């Protein structure tokens, strides 16, 4: 490959990383309280919130893991991404207005704050915080691995830079990420999303046409090549099969209303009524960026079959390799910078959630108050969580970014959809039911992961955990006396 292509790509990445440092320093001046660090002062406009929402949901999971999953399994993962707009509609309808009104009335700075207000239960606050903390480790590890994977591919294609390992790239990724997050908090994340979200929407469309042009015969040639090699790849269910694909559909549509890095941003809008204008921005942006997810994965698989590209060492290399070898250097540089932006902003969201759980929610649930000097300890917790998540992903059995992301997503979905998405809309829901649902989902999800259990028909552990937690949630709530709800919370639920 012409070394100038790699140098151009590297230049875009270096400029972006320098920009992250600048944004972190700028945001440091705007972050003067825990409310600023965790909630961006609850003063975000429609475009900032809308682009931050879809960027958080796409992230490195979608931009790196998504094409890798398509390369490996075909259209199976379309049941994760094509359904994205439906998922946004579900989560907005169930939670957007209610969470924003609770934030206004109770001055909440975290999702467990809102859960505690809904159920009048510090135990519910504690278990929600623990679920978030455990899910953050897996999902944050996904972002760090995605960032390291892309960085390694960029550096190793520049001839004058010695070959670097994935561990070295993870150290670099963690260092930049920690600086960005510690200084700026959630403020740095959401304003970076405003720029990178707009760039990625446009870039995804260009990448889609670049992918079609890279394969001999265009779209027709791509489909023909894939069908001759393995017809299941371009079938509606892909190689995973119907049951596995439908389990992803349920987890990713209904489960979107349990993703704390997404729904927490509902509490950051400047006004309650902004939700109706934010939804089209989020859903539309995600839909267009899904073009990148699907087109790169299918194009790279077709290119390998046609002999236009060597076999990939790992499916996660699909996006970096396509951009390096089959897209224009300018487009590759822009998309790589956007990739890093998506990863950084989402990782920041997760670090922010984890830090809030450690310094605000868990101490408040156990001792009745959060830690003193909360802002300082939030920054310390951010560093610890970043390092811990990197170690977790190094020793995880999952070698695909997308599968790690699916595990984190499933953990959040099973734990929080009953307690939050259903509980904030159903007055009959009880604190006991919410607590049992959270604990059960964590035991099942982590049991499947730790013991390497295989579920028949490709069904995900997250789907089983979600189904079980919902069953217990409804059953226990209906079998228990009707709970007492504070009048202000009940009024919000009546709207």
Protein backbone atom coordinates (compact mmCIF):
# COMPACT_ATOMS: atom_id res chain seq x y z
CA UNK A 1 0.00 0.00 0.00
CA UNK A 2 1.19 3.55 -0.77
CA UNK A 3 2.67 4.84 2.48
CA UNK A 4 1.17 8.29 1.86
CA UNK A 5 -2.32 6.83 2.44
CA UNK A 6 -1.34 5.59 5.88
CA UNK A 7 0.37 8.88 6.75
CA UNK A 8 -2.76 10.84 5.82
CA UNK A 9 -4.91 8.54 7.94
CA UNK A 10 -2.47 8.79 10.84
CA UNK A 11 -2.47 12.59 10.55
CA UNK A 12 -6.27 12.69 10.94
CA UNK A 13 -6.06 10.42 14.00
CA UNK A 14 -3.30 12.48 15.62
CA UNK A 15 -5.22 15.71 15.02
CA UNK A 16 -8.33 14.14 16.53
CA UNK A 17 -6.49 12.90 19.64
CA UNK A 18 -5.01 16.38 20.08
CA UNK A 19 -8.52 17.79 19.75
CA UNK A 20 -9.67 15.44 22.53
CA UNK A 21 -7.05 16.87 24.84
CA UNK A 22 -8.19 20.37 23.91
CA UNK A 23 -11.87 19.53 24.49
CA UNK A 24 -10.98 18.01 27.85
CA UNK A 25 -9.20 21.18 28.93
CA UNK A 26 -12.07 23.36 27.67
CA UNK A 27 -14.64 21.21 29.46
CA UNK A 28 -12.57 21.33 32.66
CA UNK A 29 -13.44 25.03 32.95
CA UNK A 30 -17.16 24.23 32.61
CA UNK A 31 -17.15 21.34 35.09
CA UNK A 32 -17.41 22.83 38.54
CA UNK A 33 -19.85 20.51 40.34
CA UNK A 34 -21.03 16.88 40.38
CA UNK A 35 -24.12 18.00 38.45
CA UNK A 36 -21.88 19.36 35.68
CA UNK A 37 -19.66 16.25 35.71
CA UNK A 38 -22.54 13.74 35.58
CA UNK A 39 -25.42 15.65 33.92
CA UNK A 40 -23.76 18.41 31.82
CA UNK A 41 -25.68 20.93 33.93
CA UNK A 42 -28.99 19.65 32.43
CA UNK A 43 -28.68 22.33 29.78
CA UNK A 44 -28.29 20.51 26.44
CA UNK A 45 -30.11 21.53 23.28
CA UNK A 46 -31.96 19.26 20.83
CA UNK A 47 -29.13 18.71 18.36
CA UNK A 48 -26.50 18.06 21.02
CA UNK A 49 -28.71 15.58 22.88
CA UNK A 50 -29.96 13.87 19.71
CA UNK A 51 -26.50 13.33 18.24
CA UNK A 52 -25.09 12.29 21.64
CA UNK A 53 -27.82 9.66 21.99
CA UNK A 54 -27.23 7.96 18.65
CA UNK A 55 -23.44 8.26 18.96
CA UNK A 56 -23.53 6.58 22.36
CA UNK A 57 -25.59 3.72 20.97
CA UNK A 58 -23.46 3.21 17.83
CA UNK A 59 -19.94 3.77 19.25
CA UNK A 60 -17.02 1.39 18.70
CA UNK A 61 -19.49 -1.45 19.10
CA UNK A 62 -21.13 -0.49 15.81
CA UNK A 63 -18.25 1.03 13.86
CA UNK A 64 -15.71 -1.73 14.58
CA UNK A 65 -17.66 -4.67 15.98
CA UNK A 66 -20.62 -4.34 13.61
CA UNK A 67 -18.71 -4.79 10.31
CA UNK A 68 -16.73 -7.61 11.95
CA UNK A 69 -19.92 -9.39 12.91
CA UNK A 70 -21.36 -9.01 9.39
CA UNK A 71 -18.08 -10.33 7.95
CA UNK A 72 -18.35 -13.40 10.17
CA UNK A 73 -22.11 -14.06 10.33
CA UNK A 74 -23.65 -12.21 7.40
CA UNK A 75 -26.95 -10.41 7.90
CA UNK A 76 -27.60 -11.87 11.37
CA UNK A 77 -26.51 -8.61 12.99
CA UNK A 78 -28.98 -6.60 10.90
CA UNK A 79 -31.36 -7.56 13.72
CA UNK A 80 -29.16 -5.42 15.95
CA UNK A 81 -28.72 -2.39 13.73
CA UNK A 82 -31.54 -2.08 11.17
CA UNK A 83 -33.99 -2.12 14.07
CA UNK A 84 -32.20 0.86 15.65
CA UNK A 85 -34.87 3.47 14.80
CA UNK A 86 -37.55 1.21 16.31
CA UNK A 87 -35.39 0.86 19.42
CA UNK A 88 -35.13 4.64 19.77
CA UNK A 89 -38.91 4.99 19.40
CA UNK A 90 -39.39 2.40 22.14
CA UNK A 91 -37.03 4.02 24.63
CA UNK A 92 -38.24 7.59 23.91
CA UNK A 93 -41.90 6.59 24.29
CA UNK A 94 -41.33 4.75 27.55
CA UNK A 95 -38.86 7.02 29.32
CA UNK A 96 -37.78 10.32 27.74
CA UNK A 97 -40.36 12.67 29.29
CA UNK A 98 -40.71 10.80 32.58
CA UNK A 99 -36.99 10.72 33.34
CA UNK A 100 -36.58 14.41 32.47
CA UNK A 101 -39.48 15.41 34.74
CA UNK A 102 -38.15 13.30 37.61
CA UNK A 103 -34.75 14.93 37.15
CA UNK A 104 -36.41 18.34 37.39
CA UNK A 105 -38.50 17.53 40.47
CA UNK A 106 -35.95 15.53 42.45
CA UNK A 107 -32.71 17.11 41.14
CA UNK A 108 -31.33 13.67 40.22
CA UNK A 109 -27.81 13.32 38.82
CA UNK A 110 -27.90 9.59 38.01
CA UNK A 111 -30.27 6.83 36.95
CA UNK A 112 -30.16 5.13 40.39
CA UNK A 113 -31.34 8.45 41.88
CA UNK A 114 -34.43 8.23 39.69
CA UNK A 115 -34.98 4.54 40.54
CA UNK A 116 -34.76 5.31 44.27
CA UNK A 117 -37.35 8.07 43.82
CA UNK A 118 -39.71 5.78 41.89
CA UNK A 119 -39.62 2.88 44.35
CA UNK A 120 -38.86 4.69 47.61
CA UNK A 121 -36.11 2.13 48.07
CA UNK A 122 -32.43 2.57 48.81
CA UNK A 123 -31.93 -1.13 48.08
CA UNK A 124 -33.26 -0.54 44.57
CA UNK A 125 -30.80 2.33 44.22
CA UNK A 126 -27.95 0.08 45.37
CA UNK A 127 -28.79 -2.82 43.06
CA UNK A 128 -29.29 -0.51 40.08
CA UNK A 129 -25.88 1.04 40.74
CA UNK A 130 -24.26 -2.40 41.04
CA UNK A 131 -25.88 -3.53 37.78
CA UNK A 132 -24.62 -0.41 36.02
CA UNK A 133 -21.14 -0.88 37.45
CA UNK A 134 -20.92 -4.52 36.34
CA UNK A 135 -22.29 -3.76 32.88
CA UNK A 136 -19.92 -0.82 32.51
CA UNK A 137 -16.88 -3.06 32.94
CA UNK A 138 -17.89 -5.26 29.99
CA UNK A 139 -19.14 -2.50 27.73
CA UNK A 140 -16.30 -0.09 28.53
CA UNK A 141 -13.85 -2.89 27.76
CA UNK A 142 -15.54 -3.12 24.35
CA UNK A 143 -14.78 0.53 23.63
CA UNK A 144 -11.16 0.24 24.74
CA UNK A 145 -10.63 -2.89 22.64
CA UNK A 146 -12.24 -1.22 19.62
CA UNK A 147 -10.06 1.85 19.98
CA UNK A 148 -6.91 -0.27 20.39
CA UNK A 149 -7.84 -2.43 17.37
CA UNK A 150 -8.23 0.61 15.11
CA UNK A 151 -5.11 2.32 16.46
CA UNK A 152 -2.98 -0.79 15.93
CA UNK A 153 -4.14 -1.10 12.33
CA UNK A 154 -3.39 2.56 11.62
CA UNK A 155 0.08 2.49 13.21
CA UNK A 156 1.13 -0.85 11.73
CA UNK A 157 0.44 0.38 8.20
CA UNK A 158 2.92 3.27 8.50
CA UNK A 159 6.33 1.99 7.37
CA UNK A 160 8.50 4.23 9.57
CA UNK A 161 6.70 3.17 12.80
CA UNK A 162 7.82 -0.14 14.36
CA UNK A 163 5.11 -2.77 14.72
CA UNK A 164 3.06 -2.24 17.87
CA UNK A 165 1.08 -4.81 19.85
CA UNK A 166 -2.55 -4.66 20.88
CA UNK A 167 -1.41 -4.24 24.51
CA UNK A 168 0.63 -1.14 23.63
CA UNK A 169 -2.33 0.33 21.76
CA UNK A 170 -4.60 -0.36 24.75
CA UNK A 171 -2.19 1.56 26.99
CA UNK A 172 -2.22 4.52 24.59
CA UNK A 173 -6.01 4.36 24.28
CA UNK A 174 -6.47 4.26 28.05
CA UNK A 175 -4.09 7.19 28.61
CA UNK A 176 -5.90 9.50 26.18
CA UNK A 177 -9.31 8.30 27.33
CA UNK A 178 -8.57 8.86 31.01
CA UNK A 179 -7.27 12.39 30.41
CA UNK A 180 -10.30 13.27 28.28
CA UNK A 181 -12.80 11.87 30.80
CA UNK A 182 -11.15 13.00 34.02
CA UNK A 183 -10.89 16.61 32.91
CA UNK A 184 -14.15 17.07 31.05
CA UNK A 185 -16.67 14.62 32.48
CA UNK A 186 -19.86 14.21 30.46
CA UNK A 187 -19.55 17.75 29.10
CA UNK A 188 -16.57 16.73 26.96
CA UNK A 189 -18.47 13.71 25.68
CA UNK A 190 -21.67 15.37 24.51
CA UNK A 191 -20.02 18.28 22.73
CA UNK A 192 -17.62 15.95 20.93
CA UNK A 193 -20.69 13.97 19.87
CA UNK A 194 -22.17 17.06 18.23
CA UNK A 195 -19.25 17.29 15.79
CA UNK A 196 -18.48 13.61 15.28
CA UNK A 197 -22.14 12.61 14.92
CA UNK A 198 -22.65 15.01 12.04
CA UNK A 199 -19.40 13.89 10.39
CA UNK A 200 -20.22 10.19 10.71
CA UNK A 201 -23.68 10.56 9.20
CA UNK A 202 -22.17 12.05 6.03
CA UNK A 203 -19.14 9.72 6.06
CA UNK A 204 -21.33 6.61 6.42
CA UNK A 205 -23.14 7.46 3.18
CA UNK A 206 -19.84 7.92 1.32
CA UNK A 207 -18.48 4.69 2.78
CA UNK A 208 -21.57 2.84 1.60
CA UNK A 209 -20.94 3.87 -2.02
CA UNK A 210 -17.20 3.24 -1.63
CA UNK A 211 -18.00 -0.31 -0.47
CA UNK A 212 -20.20 -0.94 -3.50
CA UNK A 213 -17.50 0.42 -5.80
CA UNK A 214 -14.73 -1.67 -4.26
CA UNK A 215 -16.33 -5.03 -5.17
CA UNK A 216 -16.23 -6.30 -8.73
CA UNK A 217 -19.71 -5.96 -10.19
CA UNK A 218 -20.96 -3.52 -7.54
CA UNK A 219 -24.01 -4.53 -5.51
CA UNK A 220 -24.98 -7.26 -7.96
CA UNK A 221 -21.48 -8.70 -7.94
CA UNK A 222 -21.34 -8.56 -4.14
CA UNK A 223 -24.62 -10.44 -3.68
CA UNK A 224 -23.75 -12.99 -6.37
CA UNK A 225 -20.33 -13.66 -4.86
CA UNK A 226 -21.72 -14.09 -1.35
CA UNK A 227 -24.58 -16.35 -2.46
CA UNK A 228 -22.26 -18.61 -4.43
CA UNK A 229 -19.96 -18.94 -1.41
CA UNK A 230 -22.66 -19.33 1.30
CA UNK A 231 -26.32 -18.39 0.63
CA UNK A 232 -27.05 -18.09 4.35
CA UNK A 233 -24.79 -15.03 4.60
CA UNK A 234 -27.29 -12.85 2.69
CA UNK A 235 -30.42 -14.57 4.00
CA UNK A 236 -32.57 -12.59 6.48
CA UNK A 237 -31.28 -14.62 9.43
CA UNK A 238 -27.62 -14.83 8.36
CA UNK A 239 -25.56 -17.77 9.57
CA UNK A 240 -26.77 -17.42 13.16
CA UNK A 241 -30.27 -18.65 12.34
CA UNK A 242 -33.79 -17.46 13.07
CA UNK A 243 -33.92 -17.99 16.84
CA UNK A 244 -30.57 -16.34 17.49
CA UNK A 245 -31.42 -13.37 15.26
CA UNK A 246 -34.83 -12.88 16.88
CA UNK A 247 -33.25 -13.03 20.34
CA UNK A 248 -30.99 -10.17 19.26
CA UNK A 249 -34.03 -8.32 17.93
CA UNK A 250 -35.80 -8.47 21.30
CA UNK A 251 -32.71 -7.59 23.31
CA UNK A 252 -31.76 -4.67 21.06
CA UNK A 253 -35.22 -3.15 20.61
CA UNK A 254 -36.75 -3.55 24.07
CA UNK A 255 -33.30 -3.54 25.66
CA UNK A 256 -32.54 -0.06 24.35
CA UNK A 257 -34.79 1.30 27.12
CA UNK A 258 -32.42 -0.26 29.66
CA UNK A 259 -29.13 1.18 28.38
CA UNK A 260 -28.01 3.69 31.03
CA UNK A 261 -25.54 5.47 28.71
CA UNK A 262 -28.50 6.26 26.46
CA UNK A 263 -31.44 6.87 28.78
CA UNK A 264 -29.43 8.91 31.29
CA UNK A 265 -29.09 11.53 28.55
CA UNK A 266 -32.87 11.94 28.62
CA UNK A 267 -32.29 13.80 31.88
CA UNK A 268 -29.85 16.27 30.28
CA UNK A 269 -32.28 18.10 27.94
CA UNK A 270 -32.83 21.77 28.57
CA UNK A 271 -36.62 21.32 28.42
CA UNK A 272 -39.01 18.41 28.87
CA UNK A 273 -40.72 19.03 25.54
CA UNK A 274 -37.41 18.72 23.65
CA UNK A 275 -37.80 14.92 23.55
CA UNK A 276 -40.22 14.97 20.60
CA UNK A 277 -37.68 16.90 18.48
CA UNK A 278 -34.70 14.89 19.69
CA UNK A 279 -36.10 11.52 18.56
CA UNK A 280 -35.91 12.14 14.77
CA UNK A 281 -32.29 13.33 15.10
CA UNK A 282 -31.25 10.22 17.03
CA UNK A 283 -33.20 7.66 14.99
CA UNK A 284 -32.30 9.19 11.64
CA UNK A 285 -28.60 9.46 12.48
CA UNK A 286 -28.44 5.87 13.64
CA UNK A 287 -30.25 4.63 10.53
CA UNK A 288 -27.77 6.31 8.19
CA UNK A 289 -24.74 5.12 10.17
CA UNK A 290 -26.05 1.57 9.92
CA UNK A 291 -25.05 1.75 6.25
CA UNK A 292 -21.43 1.66 7.36
CA UNK A 293 -22.04 -1.34 9.66
CA UNK A 294 -23.61 -3.47 6.92
CA UNK A 295 -21.77 -2.34 3.78
CA UNK A 296 -18.21 -2.74 5.06
CA UNK A 297 -18.82 -6.21 6.48
CA UNK A 298 -20.45 -7.55 3.30
CA UNK A 299 -17.95 -5.83 1.00
CA UNK A 300 -14.92 -7.19 2.86
CA UNK A 301 -16.31 -10.72 2.83
CA UNK A 302 -16.95 -10.46 -0.92
CA UNK A 303 -13.48 -8.98 -1.53
CA UNK A 304 -11.80 -11.83 0.31
CA UNK A 305 -13.79 -14.41 -1.67
CA UNK A 306 -12.98 -12.65 -4.96
CA UNK A 307 -9.29 -12.47 -4.09
CA UNK A 308 -9.30 -8.69 -3.86
CA UNK A 309 -8.11 -8.74 -0.25
CA UNK A 310 -6.21 -11.27 1.92
CA UNK A 311 -8.09 -13.29 4.54
CA UNK A 312 -8.52 -11.25 7.73
CA UNK A 313 -6.70 -12.40 10.86
CA UNK A 314 -9.72 -11.29 12.90
CA UNK A 315 -13.22 -10.17 11.84
CA UNK A 316 -12.69 -6.98 13.85
CA UNK A 317 -10.15 -5.92 11.22
CA UNK A 318 -12.89 -5.60 8.58
CA UNK A 319 -13.54 -1.86 9.06
CA UNK A 320 -9.90 -0.75 9.57
CA UNK A 321 -8.67 -2.86 6.64
CA UNK A 322 -11.41 -1.64 4.29
CA UNK A 323 -10.73 1.99 5.11
CA UNK A 324 -6.97 1.57 4.76
CA UNK A 325 -6.99 -0.29 1.46
CA UNK A 326 -10.29 0.34 -0.35
CA UNK A 327 -11.41 3.88 0.52
CA UNK A 328 -9.84 7.20 -0.46
CA UNK A 329 -7.23 8.36 2.07
CA UNK A 330 -9.23 11.50 2.87
CA UNK A 331 -12.42 9.53 3.52
CA UNK A 332 -10.48 6.95 5.54
CA UNK A 333 -8.93 9.68 7.68
CA UNK A 334 -12.28 11.32 8.35
CA UNK A 335 -13.96 8.01 9.22
CA UNK A 336 -11.09 6.92 11.47
CA UNK A 337 -11.28 10.24 13.31
CA UNK A 338 -15.04 9.72 13.61
CA UNK A 339 -14.48 6.20 14.87
CA UNK A 340 -12.23 7.47 17.62
CA UNK A 341 -14.73 10.19 18.45
CA UNK A 342 -17.59 7.68 18.75
CA UNK A 343 -15.48 5.38 20.89
CA UNK A 344 -14.18 8.16 23.13
CA UNK A 345 -17.56 9.74 23.74
CA UNK A 346 -19.23 6.41 24.53
CA UNK A 347 -16.37 5.34 26.77
CA UNK A 348 -16.68 8.67 28.55
CA UNK A 349 -20.39 8.01 29.10
CA UNK A 350 -19.64 4.62 30.64
CA UNK A 351 -16.85 5.94 32.83
CA UNK A 352 -19.21 8.68 33.95
CA UNK A 353 -21.92 6.16 34.84
CA UNK A 354 -19.48 3.92 36.69
CA UNK A 355 -17.97 6.82 38.61
CA UNK A 356 -21.45 8.01 39.63
CA UNK A 357 -22.26 4.51 40.91
CA UNK A 358 -19.06 4.35 42.96
CA UNK A 359 -18.96 7.81 44.52
CA UNK A 360 -22.62 8.87 44.57
CA UNK A 361 -25.14 6.02 44.38
CA UNK A 362 -23.58 3.14 46.32
CA UNK A 363 -22.43 5.32 49.28
CA UNK A 364 -25.83 7.04 49.37
CA UNK A 365 -27.62 3.70 49.41
CA UNK A 366 -25.38 2.29 52.17
CA UNK A 367 -24.67 5.34 54.31
CA UNK A 368 -27.37 7.86 53.39
CA UNK A 369 -24.97 10.28 51.68
CA UNK A 370 -22.51 10.38 48.82
CA UNK A 371 -18.77 10.76 49.32
CA UNK A 372 -17.46 14.13 50.43
CA UNK A 373 -15.53 16.02 47.74
CA UNK A 374 -17.58 14.07 45.22
CA UNK A 375 -16.04 15.66 42.12
CA UNK A 376 -12.49 14.68 43.14
CA UNK A 377 -13.41 11.08 43.90
CA UNK A 378 -15.40 10.83 40.67
CA UNK A 379 -12.20 11.58 38.77
CA UNK A 380 -10.26 9.00 40.80
CA UNK A 381 -12.94 6.39 40.15
CA UNK A 382 -12.76 7.18 36.42
CA UNK A 383 -9.08 6.22 36.33
CA UNK A 384 -9.64 2.98 38.27
CA UNK A 385 -12.57 1.92 36.08
CA UNK A 386 -10.68 2.54 32.84
CA UNK A 387 -7.73 0.42 33.95
CA UNK A 388 -9.98 -2.32 35.37
CA UNK A 389 -12.04 -2.55 32.18
CA UNK A 390 -8.90 -2.81 30.04
CA UNK A 391 -7.67 -5.70 32.19
CA UNK A 392 -11.08 -7.39 31.96
CA UNK A 393 -11.12 -7.27 28.17
CA UNK A 394 -7.57 -8.62 27.92
CA UNK A 395 -8.58 -11.76 29.80
CA UNK A 396 -12.08 -12.16 28.36
CA UNK A 397 -12.82 -15.25 26.28
CA UNK A 398 -14.61 -13.12 23.69
CA UNK A 399 -12.31 -12.05 20.85
CA UNK A 400 -14.86 -9.99 18.92
CA UNK A 401 -15.69 -6.40 19.82
CA UNK A 402 -19.33 -6.93 18.80
CA UNK A 403 -19.81 -9.98 21.01
CA UNK A 404 -18.32 -8.16 23.99
CA UNK A 405 -20.68 -5.29 23.22
CA UNK A 406 -23.64 -7.64 22.94
CA UNK A 407 -22.78 -9.06 26.38
CA UNK A 408 -22.67 -5.57 27.93
CA UNK A 409 -25.89 -4.57 26.17
CA UNK A 410 -27.63 -7.75 27.31
CA UNK A 411 -26.49 -7.20 30.88
CA UNK A 412 -28.03 -3.73 30.98
CA UNK A 413 -31.19 -4.81 29.15
CA UNK A 414 -32.00 -7.73 31.44
CA UNK A 415 -31.23 -5.81 34.63
CA UNK A 416 -32.81 -2.43 33.89
CA UNK A 417 -35.68 -2.90 31.41
CA UNK A 418 -38.03 -4.36 34.07
CA UNK A 419 -37.09 -1.94 36.86
CA UNK A 420 -36.87 1.20 34.71
CA UNK A 421 -38.63 0.86 31.35
CA UNK A 422 -41.60 -1.08 32.77
CA UNK A 423 -41.48 0.17 36.35
CA UNK A 424 -41.67 3.85 35.36
CA UNK A 425 -44.83 3.17 33.38
CA UNK A 426 -46.63 0.61 35.58
CA UNK A 427 -47.78 1.69 39.04
CA UNK A 428 -48.26 -1.90 40.18
CA UNK A 429 -44.51 -2.59 40.00
CA UNK A 430 -42.90 -3.09 43.41
CA UNK A 431 -39.42 -2.50 44.74
CA UNK A 432 -39.07 -6.18 45.67
CA UNK A 433 -39.88 -7.23 42.11
CA UNK A 434 -37.37 -4.76 40.72
CA UNK A 435 -34.65 -5.96 43.09
CA UNK A 436 -35.25 -9.64 42.33
CA UNK A 437 -35.26 -8.95 38.57
CA UNK A 438 -31.92 -7.12 38.76
CA UNK A 439 -30.20 -9.80 40.85
CA UNK A 440 -31.56 -12.67 38.75
CA UNK A 441 -30.48 -11.05 35.48
CA UNK A 442 -26.94 -10.45 36.73
CA UNK A 443 -26.58 -14.03 37.96
CA UNK A 444 -27.78 -15.46 34.65
CA UNK A 445 -25.79 -13.12 32.41
CA UNK A 446 -22.51 -13.46 34.23
CA UNK A 447 -23.08 -17.17 34.82
CA UNK A 448 -23.35 -17.74 31.06
CA UNK A 449 -20.21 -15.67 30.45
CA UNK A 450 -18.03 -16.97 33.28
CA UNK A 451 -18.83 -20.64 32.73
CA UNK A 452 -18.86 -20.38 28.94
CA UNK A 453 -22.35 -21.90 28.65
CA UNK A 454 -23.75 -22.42 25.15
CA UNK A 455 -27.48 -21.86 24.60
CA UNK A 456 -29.10 -23.83 21.76
CA UNK A 457 -30.11 -22.24 18.43
CA UNK A 458 -27.72 -19.32 18.85
CA UNK A 459 -29.94 -17.64 21.47
CA UNK A 460 -28.04 -15.06 23.48
CA UNK A 461 -27.59 -15.16 27.23
CA UNK A 462 -28.96 -11.61 27.40
CA UNK A 463 -32.28 -12.76 25.91
CA UNK A 464 -32.65 -15.60 28.44
CA UNK A 465 -31.78 -13.26 31.31
CA UNK A 466 -34.23 -10.60 30.05
CA UNK A 467 -37.05 -13.11 29.65
CA UNK A 468 -36.48 -14.49 33.14
CA UNK A 469 -36.16 -11.08 34.81
CA UNK A 470 -39.37 -9.83 33.14
CA UNK A 471 -41.26 -12.96 34.20
CA UNK A 472 -40.18 -12.58 37.82
CA UNK A 473 -40.81 -8.83 37.76
CA UNK A 474 -44.40 -9.18 36.62
CA UNK A 475 -45.11 -12.25 38.75
CA UNK A 476 -43.79 -10.80 42.03
CA UNK A 477 -45.44 -7.42 41.43
CA UNK A 478 -48.85 -8.99 40.81
CA UNK A 479 -48.49 -11.27 43.83
CA UNK A 480 -47.56 -8.39 46.17
CA UNK A 481 -49.70 -5.64 47.68
CA UNK A 482 -49.93 -2.47 45.59
CA UNK A 483 -46.97 -0.19 46.44
CA UNK A 484 -47.24 3.35 47.79
CA UNK A 485 -45.85 5.89 45.33
CA UNK A 486 -44.97 9.49 46.23
CA UNK A 487 -47.60 11.93 44.87
CA UNK A 488 -45.18 13.80 42.58
CA UNK A 489 -43.86 10.58 41.03
CA UNK A 490 -47.41 9.27 40.61
CA UNK A 491 -48.42 12.50 38.87
CA UNK A 492 -45.55 12.06 36.40
CA UNK A 493 -46.58 8.48 35.70
CA UNK A 494 -50.16 9.64 35.05
CA UNK A 495 -49.08 11.99 32.26
